[in-house]
Amino acid sequence: MEKTVNPHNLQDYEIQHFNKKVRAILIDNDKMLVANYDDVLLLPGGSIDDNETVEQALIRELKEEIGIEYQSQELKYLSTLSFYQKDYPNRDGSISNRLIQTHYFVGQFKGIQTQS
């Protein structure tokens, strides 16, 4: 399933930044893993590198963020959301239009590994 949200009807030629991301919805009974990124709660995941498939990026991000190795068969594709953002304030103070395309997967929450 794919969904596009474009409240300002931006056209692709108006987009200055295009980011591809991947996120996991990891569930165990009545618990769902949420990551805290500088006081912003998000599902675990991140950016897709140029040389990666969507699945490879998700597996890498989960290993980096929660220390657990997942196999592609443990993560089931759910949906892709394409979100157009007009006049987005960038960290450097500039403003741009951007498109964020996020692929969502669902899997079993296996716990979090901590490094000693």
Protein backbone atom coordinates (compact mmCIF):
# COMPACT_ATOMS: atom_id res chain seq x y z
CA MET A 1 0.00 0.00 0.00
CA GLU A 2 1.29 3.46 -0.87
CA LYS A 3 0.04 6.80 0.40
CA THR A 4 0.99 10.33 -0.70
CA VAL A 5 0.41 13.42 1.43
CA ASN A 6 0.86 16.67 -0.51
CA PRO A 7 -1.23 19.41 1.15
CA HIS A 8 0.33 22.24 -0.92
CA ASN A 9 0.16 20.34 -4.25
CA LEU A 10 3.92 20.64 -4.78
CA GLN A 11 5.27 19.45 -8.11
CA ASP A 12 8.40 17.31 -8.31
CA TYR A 13 10.39 20.12 -9.98
CA GLU A 14 9.72 22.28 -6.88
CA ILE A 15 11.47 19.78 -4.56
CA GLN A 16 15.00 20.72 -3.45
CA HIS A 17 15.58 17.78 -1.11
CA PHE A 18 14.46 14.15 -1.52
CA ASN A 19 15.08 11.78 1.39
CA LYS A 20 14.39 8.06 1.39
CA LYS A 21 13.89 6.50 4.80
CA VAL A 22 12.86 3.23 6.37
CA ARG A 23 11.15 2.59 9.72
CA ALA A 24 10.20 -0.52 11.69
CA ILE A 25 7.13 -1.14 13.78
CA LEU A 26 8.47 -3.71 16.24
CA ILE A 27 5.78 -5.28 18.42
CA ASP A 28 5.85 -7.80 21.28
CA ASN A 29 2.45 -8.54 22.82
CA ASP A 30 1.29 -5.18 24.13
CA LYS A 31 4.62 -3.35 23.62
CA MET A 32 5.93 -1.38 20.67
CA LEU A 33 9.48 -0.05 20.39
CA VAL A 34 9.80 3.72 20.01
CA ALA A 35 13.19 5.46 19.78
CA ASN A 36 13.98 8.80 21.42
CA TYR A 37 15.90 11.10 19.05
CA ASP A 38 16.70 14.29 20.97
CA ASP A 39 13.27 14.29 22.67
CA VAL A 40 11.45 13.38 19.45
CA LEU A 41 9.82 9.94 19.59
CA LEU A 42 10.11 7.97 16.34
CA LEU A 43 9.96 4.42 15.16
CA PRO A 44 13.48 2.97 14.80
CA GLY A 45 15.05 3.33 11.38
CA GLY A 46 16.71 5.99 9.29
CA SER A 47 18.03 6.94 5.89
CA ILE A 48 18.60 4.59 2.98
CA ASP A 49 22.13 4.83 1.57
CA ASP A 50 22.60 5.04 -2.21
CA ASN A 51 23.98 1.51 -2.49
CA GLU A 52 21.33 -0.19 -0.28
CA THR A 53 17.99 -1.83 -0.86
CA VAL A 54 15.17 -0.82 1.46
CA GLU A 55 15.52 -4.10 3.38
CA GLN A 56 19.31 -3.78 3.72
CA ALA A 57 18.92 -0.25 5.10
CA LEU A 58 16.37 -1.35 7.68
CA ILE A 59 18.48 -4.29 8.83
CA ARG A 60 21.54 -2.00 9.14
CA GLU A 61 19.60 0.71 11.02
CA LEU A 62 18.13 -1.79 13.50
CA LYS A 63 21.58 -3.22 14.18
CA GLU A 64 23.01 0.29 14.72
CA GLU A 65 20.15 1.58 16.85
CA ILE A 66 19.06 -1.36 18.99
CA GLY A 67 21.92 -3.82 18.58
CA ILE A 68 19.75 -6.62 17.17
CA GLU A 69 20.32 -8.38 13.88
CA TYR A 70 17.18 -9.02 11.88
CA GLN A 71 16.82 -11.12 8.75
CA SER A 72 14.72 -9.84 5.85
CA GLN A 73 12.14 -12.62 6.33
CA GLU A 74 11.51 -11.37 9.90
CA LEU A 75 10.34 -7.98 8.65
CA LYS A 76 7.12 -7.69 6.63
CA TYR A 77 6.55 -4.72 4.33
CA LEU A 78 3.51 -2.68 5.41
CA SER A 79 3.35 0.60 3.48
CA THR A 80 5.18 3.52 1.88
CA LEU A 81 4.35 7.12 2.75
CA SER A 82 5.49 9.97 0.50
CA PHE A 83 5.20 13.28 2.37
CA TYR A 84 5.72 16.61 0.60
CA GLN A 85 6.79 19.49 2.88
CA LYS A 86 6.65 23.09 1.68
CA ASP A 87 9.04 25.69 3.15
CA TYR A 88 10.76 23.25 5.48
CA PRO A 89 13.21 24.98 7.88
CA ASN A 90 16.63 23.34 7.46
CA ARG A 91 19.21 23.14 10.24
CA ASP A 92 21.38 25.74 8.51
CA GLY A 93 18.55 28.30 8.63
CA SER A 94 17.58 27.98 4.98
CA ILE A 95 14.11 27.03 3.74
CA SER A 96 13.39 24.37 1.12
CA ASN A 97 10.67 22.14 -0.24
CA ARG A 98 11.32 18.49 0.44
CA LEU A 99 9.89 15.08 -0.19
CA ILE A 100 10.34 12.38 2.42
CA GLN A 101 9.55 8.85 1.28
CA THR A 102 9.36 6.40 4.18
CA HIS A 103 8.97 2.64 3.84
CA TYR A 104 7.36 0.96 6.87
CA PHE A 105 7.88 -2.65 7.94
CA VAL A 106 6.42 -4.70 10.80
CA GLY A 107 8.30 -7.26 12.85
CA GLN A 108 8.54 -9.02 16.20
CA PHE A 109 10.26 -6.98 18.91
CA LYS A 110 13.22 -9.09 20.14
CA GLY A 111 14.49 -6.81 22.90
CA ILE A 112 17.35 -4.36 23.05
CA GLN A 113 21.00 -5.31 23.37
CA THR A 114 23.23 -3.00 25.38
CA GLN A 115 26.97 -2.81 25.07
CA SER A 116 28.96 -3.44 28.26
